[in-house]
């Protein structure tokens, strides 16, 4: 593939795996949107304090989310 457009931040191991596959196949990868480029606002939880992180722990586990949200460059 010559070019791939990817929108959004990486929030799960499955998404990370898919992105790596795209990167292997595409000559050019274009990040679309703030989340993909800088991680925000999706990465707000990366900056939660311990109490806030504990409050969302069950949700992260239920949906198999990564501990930290990653921008595409990560």
PDB file of N, CA and C in Angstrom:
ATOM      1  N   UNK A   1       0.851  -1.167   0.000  1.00  0.00           N
ATOM      2  CA  UNK A   1       0.000   0.000   0.000  1.00  0.00           C
ATOM      3  C   UNK A   1       0.898   1.233   0.000  1.00  0.00           C
ATOM      4  N   UNK A   2       0.498   2.217  -0.749  1.00  0.00           N
ATOM      5  CA  UNK A   2       1.299   3.421  -0.859  1.00  0.00           C
ATOM      6  C   UNK A   2       1.140   4.355   0.339  1.00  0.00           C
ATOM      7  N   UNK A   3      -0.117   4.594   0.720  1.00  0.00           N
ATOM      8  CA  UNK A   3      -0.370   5.546   1.787  1.00  0.00           C
ATOM      9  C   UNK A   3      -1.528   5.047   2.668  1.00  0.00           C
ATOM     10  N   UNK A   4      -1.414   5.292   3.970  1.00  0.00           N
ATOM     11  CA  UNK A   4      -2.472   4.921   4.912  1.00  0.00           C
ATOM     12  C   UNK A   4      -2.786   6.122   5.788  1.00  0.00           C
ATOM     13  N   UNK A   5      -4.061   6.370   5.998  1.00  0.00           N
ATOM     14  CA  UNK A   5      -4.520   7.426   6.886  1.00  0.00           C
ATOM     15  C   UNK A   5      -5.064   6.757   8.144  1.00  0.00           C
ATOM     16  N   UNK A   6      -4.523   7.134   9.294  1.00  0.00           N
ATOM     17  CA  UNK A   6      -4.938   6.527  10.557  1.00  0.00           C
ATOM     18  C   UNK A   6      -5.436   7.626  11.484  1.00  0.00           C
ATOM     19  N   UNK A   7      -6.639   7.408  12.020  1.00  0.00           N
ATOM     20  CA  UNK A   7      -7.264   8.399  12.894  1.00  0.00           C
ATOM     21  C   UNK A   7      -7.366   7.838  14.303  1.00  0.00           C
ATOM     22  N   UNK A   8      -7.045   8.659  15.291  1.00  0.00           N
ATOM     23  CA  UNK A   8      -7.230   8.278  16.678  1.00  0.00           C
ATOM     24  C   UNK A   8      -5.978   7.794  17.370  1.00  0.00           C
ATOM     25  N   UNK A   9      -6.048   7.793  18.688  1.00  0.00           N
ATOM     26  CA  UNK A   9      -4.953   7.329  19.536  1.00  0.00           C
ATOM     27  C   UNK A   9      -5.034   5.810  19.696  1.00  0.00           C
ATOM     28  N   UNK A  10      -3.960   5.219  20.176  1.00  0.00           N
ATOM     29  CA  UNK A  10      -3.901   3.773  20.405  1.00  0.00           C
ATOM     30  C   UNK A  10      -4.262   3.516  21.866  1.00  0.00           C
ATOM     31  N   UNK A  11      -5.344   2.765  22.076  1.00  0.00           N
ATOM     32  CA  UNK A  11      -5.812   2.530  23.438  1.00  0.00           C
ATOM     33  C   UNK A  11      -5.765   1.067  23.861  1.00  0.00           C
ATOM     34  N   UNK A  12      -5.455   0.163  22.920  1.00  0.00           N
ATOM     35  CA  UNK A  12      -5.430  -1.262  23.268  1.00  0.00           C
ATOM     36  C   UNK A  12      -4.284  -1.965  22.545  1.00  0.00           C
ATOM     37  N   UNK A  13      -3.933  -3.141  23.039  1.00  0.00           N
ATOM     38  CA  UNK A  13      -2.885  -3.936  22.390  1.00  0.00           C
ATOM     39  C   UNK A  13      -3.302  -4.341  20.981  1.00  0.00           C
ATOM     40  N   UNK A  14      -4.584  -4.620  20.791  1.00  0.00           N
ATOM     41  CA  UNK A  14      -5.089  -5.007  19.469  1.00  0.00           C
ATOM     42  C   UNK A  14      -4.928  -3.854  18.469  1.00  0.00           C
ATOM     43  N   UNK A  15      -5.233  -2.638  18.899  1.00  0.00           N
ATOM     44  CA  UNK A  15      -5.048  -1.481  18.023  1.00  0.00           C
ATOM     45  C   UNK A  15      -3.572  -1.274  17.697  1.00  0.00           C
ATOM     46  N   UNK A  16      -2.712  -1.477  18.679  1.00  0.00           N
ATOM     47  CA  UNK A  16      -1.275  -1.331  18.467  1.00  0.00           C
ATOM     48  C   UNK A  16      -0.782  -2.355  17.440  1.00  0.00           C
ATOM     49  N   UNK A  17      -1.270  -3.576  17.548  1.00  0.00           N
ATOM     50  CA  UNK A  17      -0.899  -4.642  16.610  1.00  0.00           C
ATOM     51  C   UNK A  17      -1.338  -4.276  15.182  1.00  0.00           C
ATOM     52  N   UNK A  18      -2.559  -3.779  15.040  1.00  0.00           N
ATOM     53  CA  UNK A  18      -3.068  -3.384  13.730  1.00  0.00           C
ATOM     54  C   UNK A  18      -2.257  -2.228  13.142  1.00  0.00           C
ATOM     55  N   UNK A  19      -1.902  -1.262  13.986  1.00  0.00           N
ATOM     56  CA  UNK A  19      -1.116  -0.124  13.508  1.00  0.00           C
ATOM     57  C   UNK A  19       0.266  -0.575  13.029  1.00  0.00           C
ATOM     58  N   UNK A  20       0.889  -1.471  13.768  1.00  0.00           N
ATOM     59  CA  UNK A  20       2.206  -1.976  13.352  1.00  0.00           C
ATOM     60  C   UNK A  20       2.115  -2.694  12.020  1.00  0.00           C
ATOM     61  N   UNK A  21       1.027  -3.417  11.795  1.00  0.00           N
ATOM     62  CA  UNK A  21       0.808  -4.089  10.522  1.00  0.00           C
ATOM     63  C   UNK A  21       0.662  -3.067   9.391  1.00  0.00           C
ATOM     64  N   UNK A  22      -0.085  -2.009   9.655  1.00  0.00           N
ATOM     65  CA  UNK A  22      -0.251  -0.938   8.667  1.00  0.00           C
ATOM     66  C   UNK A  22       1.095  -0.287   8.368  1.00  0.00           C
ATOM     67  N   UNK A  23       1.869  -0.023   9.400  1.00  0.00           N
ATOM     68  CA  UNK A  23       3.181   0.616   9.215  1.00  0.00           C
ATOM     69  C   UNK A  23       4.118  -0.242   8.370  1.00  0.00           C
ATOM     70  N   UNK A  24       4.038  -1.555   8.538  1.00  0.00           N
ATOM     71  CA  UNK A  24       4.879  -2.459   7.747  1.00  0.00           C
ATOM     72  C   UNK A  24       4.510  -2.424   6.270  1.00  0.00           C
ATOM     73  N   UNK A  25       3.225  -2.268   5.975  1.00  0.00           N
ATOM     74  CA  UNK A  25       2.733  -2.366   4.603  1.00  0.00           C
ATOM     75  C   UNK A  25       2.706  -1.033   3.859  1.00  0.00           C
ATOM     76  N   UNK A  26       2.527   0.074   4.573  1.00  0.00           N
ATOM     77  CA  UNK A  26       2.372   1.374   3.922  1.00  0.00           C
ATOM     78  C   UNK A  26       3.711   2.085   3.762  1.00  0.00           C
ATOM     79  N   UNK A  27       3.870   2.718   2.630  1.00  0.00           N
ATOM     80  CA  UNK A  27       5.068   3.527   2.406  1.00  0.00           C
ATOM     81  C   UNK A  27       5.000   4.814   3.223  1.00  0.00           C
ATOM     82  N   UNK A  28       3.781   5.360   3.363  1.00  0.00           N
ATOM     83  CA  UNK A  28       3.557   6.591   4.110  1.00  0.00           C
ATOM     84  C   UNK A  28       2.354   6.383   5.030  1.00  0.00           C
ATOM     85  N   UNK A  29       2.480   6.785   6.305  1.00  0.00           N
ATOM     86  CA  UNK A  29       1.370   6.749   7.250  1.00  0.00           C
ATOM     87  C   UNK A  29       1.079   8.179   7.681  1.00  0.00           C
ATOM     88  N   UNK A  30      -0.173   8.599   7.516  1.00  0.00           N
ATOM     89  CA  UNK A  30      -0.593   9.943   7.877  1.00  0.00           C
ATOM     90  C   UNK A  30      -1.499   9.858   9.098  1.00  0.00           C
ATOM     91  N   UNK A  31      -1.113  10.556  10.160  1.00  0.00           N
ATOM     92  CA  UNK A  31      -1.911  10.611  11.379  1.00  0.00           C
ATOM     93  C   UNK A  31      -2.961  11.698  11.218  1.00  0.00           C
ATOM     94  N   UNK A  32      -4.219  11.330  11.463  1.00  0.00           N
ATOM     95  CA  UNK A  32      -5.327  12.272  11.311  1.00  0.00           C
ATOM     96  C   UNK A  32      -5.927  12.562  12.688  1.00  0.00           C
ATOM     97  N   UNK A  33      -6.043  13.826  13.032  1.00  0.00           N
ATOM     98  CA  UNK A  33      -6.695  14.229  14.277  1.00  0.00           C
ATOM     99  C   UNK A  33      -5.726  14.419  15.421  1.00  0.00           C
ATOM    100  N   UNK A  34      -6.176  15.184  16.404  1.00  0.00           N
ATOM    101  CA  UNK A  34      -5.341  15.516  17.560  1.00  0.00           C
ATOM    102  C   UNK A  34      -4.934  14.273  18.346  1.00  0.00           C
ATOM    103  N   UNK A  35      -5.852  13.347  18.529  1.00  0.00           N
ATOM    104  CA  UNK A  35      -5.539  12.143  19.309  1.00  0.00           C
ATOM    105  C   UNK A  35      -4.405  11.354  18.662  1.00  0.00           C
ATOM    106  N   UNK A  36      -4.452  11.217  17.367  1.00  0.00           N
ATOM    107  CA  UNK A  36      -3.418  10.469  16.656  1.00  0.00           C
ATOM    108  C   UNK A  36      -2.077  11.187  16.698  1.00  0.00           C
ATOM    109  N   UNK A  37      -2.103  12.505  16.603  1.00  0.00           N
ATOM    110  CA  UNK A  37      -0.873  13.289  16.511  1.00  0.00           C
ATOM    111  C   UNK A  37      -0.237  13.550  17.875  1.00  0.00           C
ATOM    112  N   UNK A  38      -1.042  14.014  18.846  1.00  0.00           N
ATOM    113  CA  UNK A  38      -0.469  14.362  20.152  1.00  0.00           C
ATOM    114  C   UNK A  38      -1.049  13.552  21.312  1.00  0.00           C
ATOM    115  N   UNK A  39      -2.038  12.718  21.018  1.00  0.00           N
ATOM    116  CA  UNK A  39      -2.628  11.883  22.053  1.00  0.00           C
ATOM    117  C   UNK A  39      -3.788  12.510  22.793  1.00  0.00           C
ATOM    118  N   UNK A  40      -3.900  13.821  22.759  1.00  0.00           N
ATOM    119  CA  UNK A  40      -4.972  14.519  23.481  1.00  0.00           C
ATOM    120  C   UNK A  40      -6.183  14.719  22.582  1.00  0.00           C
ATOM    121  N   UNK A  41      -7.359  14.673  23.104  1.00  0.00           N
ATOM    122  CA  UNK A  41      -7.738  14.562  24.499  1.00  0.00           C
ATOM    123  C   UNK A  41      -7.860  13.118  25.019  1.00  0.00           C
ATOM    124  N   UNK A  42      -7.693  12.133  24.158  1.00  0.00           N
ATOM    125  CA  UNK A  42      -7.847  10.738  24.609  1.00  0.00           C
ATOM    126  C   UNK A  42      -6.896  10.358  25.732  1.00  0.00           C
ATOM    127  N   UNK A  43      -5.728  10.963  25.755  1.00  0.00           N
ATOM    128  CA  UNK A  43      -4.725  10.571  26.750  1.00  0.00           C
ATOM    129  C   UNK A  43      -4.883  11.266  28.105  1.00  0.00           C
ATOM    130  N   UNK A  44      -5.995  11.898  28.343  1.00  0.00           N
ATOM    131  CA  UNK A  44      -6.206  12.579  29.638  1.00  0.00           C
ATOM    132  C   UNK A  44      -6.002  11.626  30.807  1.00  0.00           C
ATOM    133  N   UNK A  45      -6.414  10.384  30.635  1.00  0.00           N
ATOM    134  CA  UNK A  45      -6.275   9.433  31.736  1.00  0.00           C
ATOM    135  C   UNK A  45      -4.827   9.095  32.049  1.00  0.00           C
ATOM    136  N   UNK A  46      -3.910   9.368  31.127  1.00  0.00           N
ATOM    137  CA  UNK A  46      -2.484   9.154  31.406  1.00  0.00           C
ATOM    138  C   UNK A  46      -2.004  10.026  32.563  1.00  0.00           C
ATOM    139  N   UNK A  47      -2.720  11.098  32.841  1.00  0.00           N
ATOM    140  CA  UNK A  47      -2.311  12.062  33.853  1.00  0.00           C
ATOM    141  C   UNK A  47      -3.179  12.011  35.112  1.00  0.00           C
ATOM    142  N   UNK A  48      -4.016  10.969  35.224  1.00  0.00           N
ATOM    143  CA  UNK A  48      -4.856  10.816  36.408  1.00  0.00           C
ATOM    144  C   UNK A  48      -3.993  10.532  37.628  1.00  0.00           C
ATOM    145  N   UNK A  49      -4.462  10.997  38.770  1.00  0.00           N
ATOM    146  CA  UNK A  49      -3.783  10.650  40.018  1.00  0.00           C
ATOM    147  C   UNK A  49      -4.176   9.217  40.398  1.00  0.00           C
ATOM    148  N   UNK A  50      -3.606   8.713  41.463  1.00  0.00           N
ATOM    149  CA  UNK A  50      -3.822   7.320  41.861  1.00  0.00           C
ATOM    150  C   UNK A  50      -5.308   7.021  42.107  1.00  0.00           C
ATOM    151  N   UNK A  51      -5.991   7.921  42.767  1.00  0.00           N
ATOM    152  CA  UNK A  51      -7.406   7.726  43.080  1.00  0.00           C
ATOM    153  C   UNK A  51      -8.253   7.653  41.804  1.00  0.00           C
ATOM    154  N   UNK A  52      -7.979   8.539  40.872  1.00  0.00           N
ATOM    155  CA  UNK A  52      -8.717   8.543  39.608  1.00  0.00           C
ATOM    156  C   UNK A  52      -8.419   7.270  38.803  1.00  0.00           C
ATOM    157  N   UNK A  53      -7.161   6.863  38.788  1.00  0.00           N
ATOM    158  CA  UNK A  53      -6.772   5.650  38.069  1.00  0.00           C
ATOM    159  C   UNK A  53      -7.466   4.418  38.638  1.00  0.00           C
ATOM    160  N   UNK A  54      -7.568   4.352  39.945  1.00  0.00           N
ATOM    161  CA  UNK A  54      -8.267   3.229  40.596  1.00  0.00           C
ATOM    162  C   UNK A  54      -9.747   3.228  40.226  1.00  0.00           C
ATOM    163  N   UNK A  55     -10.332   4.416  40.099  1.00  0.00           N
ATOM    164  CA  UNK A  55     -11.758   4.532  39.789  1.00  0.00           C
ATOM    165  C   UNK A  55     -12.086   3.981  38.398  1.00  0.00           C
ATOM    166  N   UNK A  56     -11.153   4.052  37.461  1.00  0.00           N
ATOM    167  CA  UNK A  56     -11.420   3.579  36.102  1.00  0.00           C
ATOM    168  C   UNK A  56     -10.784   2.228  35.806  1.00  0.00           C
ATOM    169  N   UNK A  57     -10.116   1.644  36.765  1.00  0.00           N
ATOM    170  CA  UNK A  57      -9.397   0.384  36.563  1.00  0.00           C
ATOM    171  C   UNK A  57     -10.295  -0.722  35.997  1.00  0.00           C
ATOM    172  N   UNK A  58     -11.484  -0.869  36.529  1.00  0.00           N
ATOM    173  CA  UNK A  58     -12.403  -1.917  36.067  1.00  0.00           C
ATOM    174  C   UNK A  58     -12.794  -1.721  34.603  1.00  0.00           C
ATOM    175  N   UNK A  59     -12.961  -0.484  34.189  1.00  0.00           N
ATOM    176  CA  UNK A  59     -13.315  -0.188  32.792  1.00  0.00           C
ATOM    177  C   UNK A  59     -12.156  -0.561  31.868  1.00  0.00           C
ATOM    178  N   UNK A  60     -10.938  -0.194  32.270  1.00  0.00           N
ATOM    179  CA  UNK A  60      -9.763  -0.512  31.460  1.00  0.00           C
ATOM    180  C   UNK A  60      -9.629  -2.022  31.286  1.00  0.00           C
ATOM    181  N   UNK A  61      -9.851  -2.757  32.350  1.00  0.00           N
ATOM    182  CA  UNK A  61      -9.746  -4.219  32.286  1.00  0.00           C
ATOM    183  C   UNK A  61     -10.871  -4.816  31.450  1.00  0.00           C
ATOM    184  N   UNK A  62     -12.085  -4.331  31.627  1.00  0.00           N
ATOM    185  CA  UNK A  62     -13.241  -4.857  30.903  1.00  0.00           C
ATOM    186  C   UNK A  62     -13.067  -4.734  29.394  1.00  0.00           C
ATOM    187  N   UNK A  63     -12.571  -3.597  28.943  1.00  0.00           N
ATOM    188  CA  UNK A  63     -12.431  -3.352  27.512  1.00  0.00           C
ATOM    189  C   UNK A  63     -11.018  -3.626  26.988  1.00  0.00           C
ATOM    190  N   UNK A  64     -10.174  -4.194  27.852  1.00  0.00           N
ATOM    191  CA  UNK A  64      -8.801  -4.563  27.491  1.00  0.00           C
ATOM    192  C   UNK A  64      -7.998  -3.369  26.976  1.00  0.00           C
ATOM    193  N   UNK A  65      -8.172  -2.227  27.647  1.00  0.00           N
ATOM    194  CA  UNK A  65      -7.425  -1.024  27.290  1.00  0.00           C
ATOM    195  C   UNK A  65      -6.020  -1.086  27.870  1.00  0.00           C
ATOM    196  N   UNK A  66      -5.100  -0.433  27.191  1.00  0.00           N
ATOM    197  CA  UNK A  66      -3.736  -0.306  27.689  1.00  0.00           C
ATOM    198  C   UNK A  66      -3.747   0.591  28.933  1.00  0.00           C
ATOM    199  N   UNK A  67      -2.717   0.465  29.725  1.00  0.00           N
ATOM    200  CA  UNK A  67      -2.602   1.306  30.916  1.00  0.00           C
ATOM    201  C   UNK A  67      -2.471   2.786  30.520  1.00  0.00           C
ATOM    202  N   UNK A  68      -1.745   3.040  29.426  1.00  0.00           N
ATOM    203  CA  UNK A  68      -1.543   4.398  28.922  1.00  0.00           C
ATOM    204  C   UNK A  68      -2.005   4.490  27.471  1.00  0.00           C
ATOM    205  N   UNK A  69      -2.601   5.616  27.101  1.00  0.00           N
ATOM    206  CA  UNK A  69      -2.994   5.892  25.729  1.00  0.00           C
ATOM    207  C   UNK A  69      -1.757   6.369  24.978  1.00  0.00           C
ATOM    208  N   UNK A  70      -1.573   5.885  23.743  1.00  0.00           N
ATOM    209  CA  UNK A  70      -0.412   6.239  22.942  1.00  0.00           C
ATOM    210  C   UNK A  70      -0.809   7.028  21.703  1.00  0.00           C
ATOM    211  N   UNK A  71       0.004   8.013  21.333  1.00  0.00           N
ATOM    212  CA  UNK A  71      -0.179   8.653  20.040  1.00  0.00           C
ATOM    213  C   UNK A  71       0.465   7.739  18.998  1.00  0.00           C
ATOM    214  N   UNK A  72       0.202   7.955  17.732  1.00  0.00           N
ATOM    215  CA  UNK A  72       0.699   7.060  16.687  1.00  0.00           C
ATOM    216  C   UNK A  72       2.219   6.975  16.650  1.00  0.00           C
ATOM    217  N   UNK A  73       2.888   8.074  16.934  1.00  0.00           N
ATOM    218  CA  UNK A  73       4.353   8.075  16.881  1.00  0.00           C
ATOM    219  C   UNK A  73       4.976   7.192  17.950  1.00  0.00           C
ATOM    220  N   UNK A  74       4.227   6.926  19.023  1.00  0.00           N
ATOM    221  CA  UNK A  74       4.750   6.079  20.096  1.00  0.00           C
ATOM    222  C   UNK A  74       4.690   4.631  19.675  1.00  0.00           C
TER     223      UNK A  74
END
